[in-house]
């Protein structure tokens, strides 16, 4: 870990303010959930909580199943990074960060077609110029991530239904 040089005092209710600069840098929004962890060295660690990431036991299997049954490349993301990928020539790899403008598209809360312009918003450095669809994972009114499906030739209706089905299933598992 690295020091930020910022020191904050805890109030009588046990609250500590996270500076605005850090919230902006880490993309922590008001109302967002944070996970509280401790280390063996008695350190207190705050980490952005990702309900989608908690589904680790099946997300890799899910994208693998989409690829195996449809031949379409599939990705599952949370709001910050790609969590699982399966298929040929994906636009991003597992662990890659999401683009700075991904929220702009995902917060539309509806399935959309992904072209060259959208790839540039969704991923910091897309690896391929592909077309596909993206279905946001929405739970309790909040966008938690997305399911994306790419392929050539792309049957847009098949890709859209596949992505929407996966996003709906994942939102119900959270």
Foldseek 3Di string as FASTA:
>chain_A
DDDPPDDFDQDPVRDTDDDPVVCVVLVPDPPFDWDWDADPVRDIDTHGDAPLLVVVVPPQVLQQVCCVVPVWWKWWWFQFFTQYTDHPQFQDHHPFTFAPQLCVVLLVQAKDKDAQVNSVRGGVGGPDGWIWMKHFQDAPNDGGTIMIITDPVDPHVVRRVSRNVVSPVSNVVD
